[in-house]
Amino acid sequence: MTHEPTNTDRAAWAKEALADFTARTCGGDHPDTMDRSDLENATSDLIADLLHFAEQQGVETDCILASAVLHFEAEQREEARP
C-alpha cells in the first residue's frame, strides 16, 4: 500500500527546501527561527528563484504559477473533505 502524501507532508518538504535556501541566502537562518516578515520574504525569494530556473529551462513561468495555485487549492479541498 502506498502512502498518499498529506498537506502536512508537503509542507514539511517545502520547509526542508526553504531551510536549505535560507542557509545559503539568509545568513544561515532557519525557517523555524525567522520572524514572520523574514519568513515571508525568504519564501517569496525562493519562489522567484525557482521561476528564474524554470525560465532558463524554457518553461513558461505563468503556467507554473497558475498550475501551482490550482494544485494548492485542489490539495486543500481534498483534505477538507470529510
PDB file of N, CA and C in Angstrom:
ATOM      1  N   MET A   1       0.836  -1.181   0.000  1.00  0.00           N
ATOM      2  CA  MET A   1       0.000   0.000   0.000  1.00  0.00           C
ATOM      3  C   MET A   1       0.881   1.243   0.000  1.00  0.00           C
ATOM      4  N   THR A   2       0.584   2.162  -0.878  1.00  0.00           N
ATOM      5  CA  THR A   2       1.358   3.394  -0.990  1.00  0.00           C
ATOM      6  C   THR A   2       0.768   4.475  -0.096  1.00  0.00           C
ATOM      7  N   HIS A   3       1.642   5.216   0.483  1.00  0.00           N
ATOM      8  CA  HIS A   3       1.224   6.336   1.329  1.00  0.00           C
ATOM      9  C   HIS A   3       0.985   7.557   0.455  1.00  0.00           C
ATOM     10  N   GLU A   4      -0.226   8.056   0.461  1.00  0.00           N
ATOM     11  CA  GLU A   4      -0.528   9.291  -0.256  1.00  0.00           C
ATOM     12  C   GLU A   4      -0.065  10.460   0.609  1.00  0.00           C
ATOM     13  N   PRO A   5       0.703  11.383   0.042  1.00  0.00           N
ATOM     14  CA  PRO A   5       1.183  12.495   0.857  1.00  0.00           C
ATOM     15  C   PRO A   5       0.044  13.395   1.309  1.00  0.00           C
ATOM     16  N   THR A   6       0.189  13.894   2.513  1.00  0.00           N
ATOM     17  CA  THR A   6      -0.773  14.851   3.064  1.00  0.00           C
ATOM     18  C   THR A   6      -0.222  16.261   2.879  1.00  0.00           C
ATOM     19  N   ASN A   7      -1.039  17.240   3.169  1.00  0.00           N
ATOM     20  CA  ASN A   7      -0.552  18.610   3.100  1.00  0.00           C
ATOM     21  C   ASN A   7       0.507  18.867   4.168  1.00  0.00           C
ATOM     22  N   THR A   8       0.441  18.133   5.268  1.00  0.00           N
ATOM     23  CA  THR A   8       1.489  18.223   6.283  1.00  0.00           C
ATOM     24  C   THR A   8       2.802  17.707   5.715  1.00  0.00           C
ATOM     25  N   ASP A   9       2.757  16.607   4.970  1.00  0.00           N
ATOM     26  CA  ASP A   9       3.954  16.088   4.296  1.00  0.00           C
ATOM     27  C   ASP A   9       4.506  17.125   3.321  1.00  0.00           C
ATOM     28  N   ARG A  10       3.624  17.672   2.515  1.00  0.00           N
ATOM     29  CA  ARG A  10       4.042  18.647   1.504  1.00  0.00           C
ATOM     30  C   ARG A  10       4.672  19.876   2.150  1.00  0.00           C
ATOM     31  N   ALA A  11       4.083  20.338   3.248  1.00  0.00           N
ATOM     32  CA  ALA A  11       4.636  21.493   3.959  1.00  0.00           C
ATOM     33  C   ALA A  11       6.005  21.169   4.544  1.00  0.00           C
ATOM     34  N   ALA A  12       6.188  19.956   5.031  1.00  0.00           N
ATOM     35  CA  ALA A  12       7.489  19.546   5.578  1.00  0.00           C
ATOM     36  C   ALA A  12       8.547  19.519   4.480  1.00  0.00           C
ATOM     37  N   TRP A  13       8.191  19.019   3.298  1.00  0.00           N
ATOM     38  CA  TRP A  13       9.145  19.008   2.180  1.00  0.00           C
ATOM     39  C   TRP A  13       9.532  20.438   1.795  1.00  0.00           C
ATOM     40  N   ALA A  14       8.535  21.307   1.755  1.00  0.00           N
ATOM     41  CA  ALA A  14       8.798  22.700   1.403  1.00  0.00           C
ATOM     42  C   ALA A  14       9.682  23.363   2.460  1.00  0.00           C
ATOM     43  N   LYS A  15       9.439  23.042   3.714  1.00  0.00           N
ATOM     44  CA  LYS A  15      10.250  23.612   4.796  1.00  0.00           C
ATOM     45  C   LYS A  15      11.708  23.167   4.664  1.00  0.00           C
ATOM     46  N   GLU A  16      11.928  21.908   4.288  1.00  0.00           N
ATOM     47  CA  GLU A  16      13.299  21.425   4.077  1.00  0.00           C
ATOM     48  C   GLU A  16      13.979  22.199   2.953  1.00  0.00           C
ATOM     49  N   ALA A  17      13.265  22.410   1.852  1.00  0.00           N
ATOM     50  CA  ALA A  17      13.830  23.167   0.730  1.00  0.00           C
ATOM     51  C   ALA A  17      14.104  24.609   1.149  1.00  0.00           C
ATOM     52  N   LEU A  18      13.174  25.200   1.879  1.00  0.00           N
ATOM     53  CA  LEU A  18      13.343  26.576   2.334  1.00  0.00           C
ATOM     54  C   LEU A  18      14.503  26.681   3.318  1.00  0.00           C
ATOM     55  N   ALA A  19      14.674  25.687   4.179  1.00  0.00           N
ATOM     56  CA  ALA A  19      15.784  25.695   5.134  1.00  0.00           C
ATOM     57  C   ALA A  19      17.125  25.660   4.408  1.00  0.00           C
ATOM     58  N   ASP A  20      17.220  24.855   3.361  1.00  0.00           N
ATOM     59  CA  ASP A  20      18.454  24.817   2.570  1.00  0.00           C
ATOM     60  C   ASP A  20      18.688  26.167   1.903  1.00  0.00           C
ATOM     61  N   PHE A  21      17.630  26.735   1.360  1.00  0.00           N
ATOM     62  CA  PHE A  21      17.721  28.027   0.687  1.00  0.00           C
ATOM     63  C   PHE A  21      18.144  29.121   1.663  1.00  0.00           C
ATOM     64  N   THR A  22      17.506  29.192   2.830  1.00  0.00           N
ATOM     65  CA  THR A  22      17.832  30.249   3.789  1.00  0.00           C
ATOM     66  C   THR A  22      19.223  30.056   4.383  1.00  0.00           C
ATOM     67  N   ALA A  23      19.692  28.821   4.465  1.00  0.00           N
ATOM     68  CA  ALA A  23      21.050  28.577   4.945  1.00  0.00           C
ATOM     69  C   ALA A  23      22.069  29.222   4.003  1.00  0.00           C
ATOM     70  N   ARG A  24      21.723  29.303   2.729  1.00  0.00           N
ATOM     71  CA  ARG A  24      22.629  29.872   1.731  1.00  0.00           C
ATOM     72  C   ARG A  24      22.415  31.358   1.514  1.00  0.00           C
ATOM     73  N   THR A  25      21.199  31.846   1.779  1.00  0.00           N
ATOM     74  CA  THR A  25      20.868  33.226   1.393  1.00  0.00           C
ATOM     75  C   THR A  25      20.532  34.151   2.549  1.00  0.00           C
ATOM     76  N   CYS A  26      20.238  33.618   3.698  1.00  0.00           N
ATOM     77  CA  CYS A  26      19.777  34.453   4.822  1.00  0.00           C
ATOM     78  C   CYS A  26      20.706  34.319   6.020  1.00  0.00           C
ATOM     79  N   GLY A  27      21.977  34.197   5.766  1.00  0.00           N
ATOM     80  CA  GLY A  27      22.934  34.127   6.851  1.00  0.00           C
ATOM     81  C   GLY A  27      22.792  32.910   7.735  1.00  0.00           C
ATOM     82  N   GLY A  28      22.243  31.843   7.188  1.00  0.00           N
ATOM     83  CA  GLY A  28      22.115  30.609   7.952  1.00  0.00           C
ATOM     84  C   GLY A  28      20.854  30.524   8.787  1.00  0.00           C
ATOM     85  N   ASP A  29      19.988  31.516   8.690  1.00  0.00           N
ATOM     86  CA  ASP A  29      18.733  31.463   9.456  1.00  0.00           C
ATOM     87  C   ASP A  29      17.908  30.258   9.026  1.00  0.00           C
ATOM     88  N   HIS A  30      17.203  29.696   9.974  1.00  0.00           N
ATOM     89  CA  HIS A  30      16.312  28.561   9.713  1.00  0.00           C
ATOM     90  C   HIS A  30      14.872  29.062   9.749  1.00  0.00           C
ATOM     91  N   PRO A  31      14.011  28.521   8.911  1.00  0.00           N
ATOM     92  CA  PRO A  31      12.614  28.958   8.906  1.00  0.00           C
ATOM     93  C   PRO A  31      11.952  28.921  10.286  1.00  0.00           C
ATOM     94  N   ASP A  32      12.344  27.980  11.141  1.00  0.00           N
ATOM     95  CA  ASP A  32      11.742  27.891  12.475  1.00  0.00           C
ATOM     96  C   ASP A  32      12.090  29.076  13.367  1.00  0.00           C
ATOM     97  N   THR A  33      13.196  29.762  13.070  1.00  0.00           N
ATOM     98  CA  THR A  33      13.637  30.844  13.943  1.00  0.00           C
ATOM     99  C   THR A  33      13.443  32.223  13.330  1.00  0.00           C
ATOM    100  N   MET A  34      12.927  32.279  12.116  1.00  0.00           N
ATOM    101  CA  MET A  34      12.743  33.561  11.431  1.00  0.00           C
ATOM    102  C   MET A  34      11.448  34.219  11.879  1.00  0.00           C
ATOM    103  N   ASP A  35      11.460  35.561  11.951  1.00  0.00           N
ATOM    104  CA  ASP A  35      10.190  36.232  12.235  1.00  0.00           C
ATOM    105  C   ASP A  35       9.329  36.185  10.981  1.00  0.00           C
ATOM    106  N   ARG A  36       8.066  36.500  11.153  1.00  0.00           N
ATOM    107  CA  ARG A  36       7.098  36.334  10.062  1.00  0.00           C
ATOM    108  C   ARG A  36       7.497  37.087   8.796  1.00  0.00           C
ATOM    109  N   SER A  37       7.948  38.317   8.944  1.00  0.00           N
ATOM    110  CA  SER A  37       8.323  39.126   7.787  1.00  0.00           C
ATOM    111  C   SER A  37       9.499  38.509   7.036  1.00  0.00           C
ATOM    112  N   ASP A  38      10.522  38.074   7.761  1.00  0.00           N
ATOM    113  CA  ASP A  38      11.675  37.445   7.115  1.00  0.00           C
ATOM    114  C   ASP A  38      11.287  36.125   6.456  1.00  0.00           C
ATOM    115  N   LEU A  39      10.394  35.377   7.103  1.00  0.00           N
ATOM    116  CA  LEU A  39       9.934  34.112   6.538  1.00  0.00           C
ATOM    117  C   LEU A  39       9.161  34.347   5.239  1.00  0.00           C
ATOM    118  N   GLU A  40       8.302  35.354   5.244  1.00  0.00           N
ATOM    119  CA  GLU A  40       7.549  35.689   4.031  1.00  0.00           C
ATOM    120  C   GLU A  40       8.493  36.107   2.909  1.00  0.00           C
ATOM    121  N   ASN A  41       9.492  36.935   3.227  1.00  0.00           N
ATOM    122  CA  ASN A  41      10.448  37.381   2.210  1.00  0.00           C
ATOM    123  C   ASN A  41      11.265  36.216   1.670  1.00  0.00           C
ATOM    124  N   ALA A  42      11.719  35.336   2.553  1.00  0.00           N
ATOM    125  CA  ALA A  42      12.526  34.187   2.117  1.00  0.00           C
ATOM    126  C   ALA A  42      11.701  33.257   1.233  1.00  0.00           C
ATOM    127  N   THR A  43      10.451  33.028   1.601  1.00  0.00           N
ATOM    128  CA  THR A  43       9.575  32.164   0.802  1.00  0.00           C
ATOM    129  C   THR A  43       9.353  32.767  -0.578  1.00  0.00           C
ATOM    130  N   SER A  44       9.090  34.059  -0.613  1.00  0.00           N
ATOM    131  CA  SER A  44       8.895  34.758  -1.883  1.00  0.00           C
ATOM    132  C   SER A  44      10.162  34.710  -2.730  1.00  0.00           C
ATOM    133  N   ASP A  45      11.314  34.906  -2.101  1.00  0.00           N
ATOM    134  CA  ASP A  45      12.590  34.855  -2.835  1.00  0.00           C
ATOM    135  C   ASP A  45      12.840  33.470  -3.424  1.00  0.00           C
ATOM    136  N   LEU A  46      12.519  32.425  -2.669  1.00  0.00           N
ATOM    137  CA  LEU A  46      12.706  31.067  -3.187  1.00  0.00           C
ATOM    138  C   LEU A  46      11.798  30.821  -4.388  1.00  0.00           C
ATOM    139  N   ILE A  47      10.551  31.247  -4.291  1.00  0.00           N
ATOM    140  CA  ILE A  47       9.626  31.085  -5.422  1.00  0.00           C
ATOM    141  C   ILE A  47      10.155  31.848  -6.636  1.00  0.00           C
ATOM    142  N   ALA A  48      10.637  33.068  -6.428  1.00  0.00           N
ATOM    143  CA  ALA A  48      11.186  33.861  -7.534  1.00  0.00           C
ATOM    144  C   ALA A  48      12.385  33.158  -8.161  1.00  0.00           C
ATOM    145  N   ASP A  49      13.263  32.596  -7.325  1.00  0.00           N
ATOM    146  CA  ASP A  49      14.433  31.899  -7.859  1.00  0.00           C
ATOM    147  C   ASP A  49      14.036  30.635  -8.621  1.00  0.00           C
ATOM    148  N   LEU A  50      13.007  29.948  -8.157  1.00  0.00           N
ATOM    149  CA  LEU A  50      12.506  28.790  -8.896  1.00  0.00           C
ATOM    150  C   LEU A  50      11.968  29.224 -10.266  1.00  0.00           C
ATOM    151  N   LEU A  51      11.332  30.378 -10.311  1.00  0.00           N
ATOM    152  CA  LEU A  51      10.840  30.896 -11.589  1.00  0.00           C
ATOM    153  C   LEU A  51      11.999  31.256 -12.521  1.00  0.00           C
ATOM    154  N   HIS A  52      13.080  31.816 -11.970  1.00  0.00           N
ATOM    155  CA  HIS A  52      14.266  32.093 -12.792  1.00  0.00           C
ATOM    156  C   HIS A  52      14.797  30.794 -13.391  1.00  0.00           C
ATOM    157  N   PHE A  53      14.883  29.762 -12.556  1.00  0.00           N
ATOM    158  CA  PHE A  53      15.354  28.458 -13.031  1.00  0.00           C
ATOM    159  C   PHE A  53      14.449  27.930 -14.147  1.00  0.00           C
ATOM    160  N   ALA A  54      13.147  27.971 -13.904  1.00  0.00           N
ATOM    161  CA  ALA A  54      12.197  27.461 -14.901  1.00  0.00           C
ATOM    162  C   ALA A  54      12.325  28.216 -16.218  1.00  0.00           C
ATOM    163  N   GLU A  55      12.434  29.535 -16.127  1.00  0.00           N
ATOM    164  CA  GLU A  55      12.571  30.338 -17.339  1.00  0.00           C
ATOM    165  C   GLU A  55      13.835  29.958 -18.110  1.00  0.00           C
ATOM    166  N   GLN A  56      14.935  29.725 -17.399  1.00  0.00           N
ATOM    167  CA  GLN A  56      16.180  29.326 -18.053  1.00  0.00           C
ATOM    168  C   GLN A  56      16.059  27.954 -18.721  1.00  0.00           C
ATOM    169  N   GLN A  57      15.102  27.157 -18.248  1.00  0.00           N
ATOM    170  CA  GLN A  57      14.866  25.839 -18.838  1.00  0.00           C
ATOM    171  C   GLN A  57      13.831  25.898 -19.952  1.00  0.00           C
ATOM    172  N   GLY A  58      13.340  27.095 -20.255  1.00  0.00           N
ATOM    173  CA  GLY A  58      12.370  27.263 -21.323  1.00  0.00           C
ATOM    174  C   GLY A  58      10.935  26.987 -20.919  1.00  0.00           C
ATOM    175  N   VAL A  59      10.675  26.986 -19.633  1.00  0.00           N
ATOM    176  CA  VAL A  59       9.328  26.715 -19.135  1.00  0.00           C
ATOM    177  C   VAL A  59       8.593  28.046 -18.938  1.00  0.00           C
ATOM    178  N   GLU A  60       7.324  28.061 -19.291  1.00  0.00           N
ATOM    179  CA  GLU A  60       6.502  29.262 -19.136  1.00  0.00           C
ATOM    180  C   GLU A  60       6.197  29.498 -17.658  1.00  0.00           C
ATOM    181  N   THR A  61       6.698  30.587 -17.107  1.00  0.00           N
ATOM    182  CA  THR A  61       6.518  30.838 -15.675  1.00  0.00           C
ATOM    183  C   THR A  61       5.058  31.112 -15.319  1.00  0.00           C
ATOM    184  N   ASP A  62       4.317  31.745 -16.223  1.00  0.00           N
ATOM    185  CA  ASP A  62       2.894  31.977 -15.941  1.00  0.00           C
ATOM    186  C   ASP A  62       2.155  30.656 -15.766  1.00  0.00           C
ATOM    187  N   CYS A  63       2.516  29.683 -16.586  1.00  0.00           N
ATOM    188  CA  CYS A  63       1.884  28.364 -16.499  1.00  0.00           C
ATOM    189  C   CYS A  63       2.226  27.694 -15.166  1.00  0.00           C
ATOM    190  N   ILE A  64       3.473  27.843 -14.728  1.00  0.00           N
ATOM    191  CA  ILE A  64       3.880  27.244 -13.460  1.00  0.00           C
ATOM    192  C   ILE A  64       3.093  27.848 -12.309  1.00  0.00           C
ATOM    193  N   LEU A  65       2.998  29.170 -12.289  1.00  0.00           N
ATOM    194  CA  LEU A  65       2.263  29.835 -11.204  1.00  0.00           C
ATOM    195  C   LEU A  65       0.790  29.418 -11.194  1.00  0.00           C
ATOM    196  N   ALA A  66       0.187  29.407 -12.346  1.00  0.00           N
ATOM    197  CA  ALA A  66      -1.230  29.020 -12.432  1.00  0.00           C
ATOM    198  C   ALA A  66      -1.416  27.573 -11.994  1.00  0.00           C
ATOM    199  N   SER A  67      -0.542  26.698 -12.437  1.00  0.00           N
ATOM    200  CA  SER A  67      -0.628  25.285 -12.072  1.00  0.00           C
ATOM    201  C   SER A  67      -0.417  25.093 -10.572  1.00  0.00           C
ATOM    202  N   ALA A  68       0.551  25.822 -10.010  1.00  0.00           N
ATOM    203  CA  ALA A  68       0.828  25.704  -8.574  1.00  0.00           C
ATOM    204  C   ALA A  68      -0.385  26.106  -7.743  1.00  0.00           C
ATOM    205  N   VAL A  69      -1.031  27.179  -8.125  1.00  0.00           N
ATOM    206  CA  VAL A  69      -2.219  27.627  -7.393  1.00  0.00           C
ATOM    207  C   VAL A  69      -3.327  26.586  -7.507  1.00  0.00           C
ATOM    208  N   LEU A  70      -3.526  26.034  -8.701  1.00  0.00           N
ATOM    209  CA  LEU A  70      -4.556  25.006  -8.881  1.00  0.00           C
ATOM    210  C   LEU A  70      -4.266  23.770  -8.036  1.00  0.00           C
ATOM    211  N   HIS A  71      -3.001  23.344  -8.011  1.00  0.00           N
ATOM    212  CA  HIS A  71      -2.631  22.177  -7.199  1.00  0.00           C
ATOM    213  C   HIS A  71      -2.854  22.458  -5.723  1.00  0.00           C
ATOM    214  N   PHE A  72      -2.406  23.622  -5.269  1.00  0.00           N
ATOM    215  CA  PHE A  72      -2.576  24.001  -3.866  1.00  0.00           C
ATOM    216  C   PHE A  72      -4.047  23.988  -3.473  1.00  0.00           C
ATOM    217  N   GLU A  73      -4.883  24.609  -4.272  1.00  0.00           N
ATOM    218  CA  GLU A  73      -6.313  24.676  -3.964  1.00  0.00           C
ATOM    219  C   GLU A  73      -6.952  23.293  -3.981  1.00  0.00           C
ATOM    220  N   ALA A  74      -6.580  22.459  -4.948  1.00  0.00           N
ATOM    221  CA  ALA A  74      -7.136  21.102  -5.025  1.00  0.00           C
ATOM    222  C   ALA A  74      -6.712  20.276  -3.805  1.00  0.00           C
ATOM    223  N   GLU A  75      -5.461  20.403  -3.403  1.00  0.00           N
ATOM    224  CA  GLU A  75      -4.980  19.661  -2.234  1.00  0.00           C
ATOM    225  C   GLU A  75      -5.642  20.152  -0.955  1.00  0.00           C
ATOM    226  N   GLN A  76      -5.897  21.448  -0.874  1.00  0.00           N
ATOM    227  CA  GLN A  76      -6.615  21.987   0.287  1.00  0.00           C
ATOM    228  C   GLN A  76      -8.038  21.425   0.336  1.00  0.00           C
ATOM    229  N   ARG A  77      -8.708  21.434  -0.809  1.00  0.00           N
ATOM    230  CA  ARG A  77     -10.086  20.904  -0.864  1.00  0.00           C
ATOM    231  C   ARG A  77     -10.118  19.422  -0.537  1.00  0.00           C
ATOM    232  N   GLU A  78      -9.134  18.689  -1.054  1.00  0.00           N
ATOM    233  CA  GLU A  78      -9.086  17.245  -0.837  1.00  0.00           C
ATOM    234  C   GLU A  78      -9.001  16.913   0.649  1.00  0.00           C
ATOM    235  N   GLU A  79      -8.192  17.625   1.373  1.00  0.00           N
ATOM    236  CA  GLU A  79      -8.060  17.333   2.813  1.00  0.00           C
ATOM    237  C   GLU A  79      -9.221  17.895   3.626  1.00  0.00           C
ATOM    238  N   ALA A  80      -9.951  18.840   3.055  1.00  0.00           N
ATOM    239  CA  ALA A  80     -11.092  19.430   3.784  1.00  0.00           C
ATOM    240  C   ALA A  80     -12.320  18.514   3.724  1.00  0.00           C
ATOM    241  N   ARG A  81     -12.317  17.578   2.776  1.00  0.00           N
ATOM    242  CA  ARG A  81     -13.456  16.661   2.654  1.00  0.00           C
ATOM    243  C   ARG A  81     -13.532  15.747   3.872  1.00  0.00           C
ATOM    244  N   PRO A  82     -14.762  15.495   4.325  1.00  0.00           N
ATOM    245  CA  PRO A  82     -14.926  14.589   5.497  1.00  0.00           C
ATOM    246  C   PRO A  82     -14.630  13.146   5.164  1.00  0.00           C
TER     247      PRO A  82
END
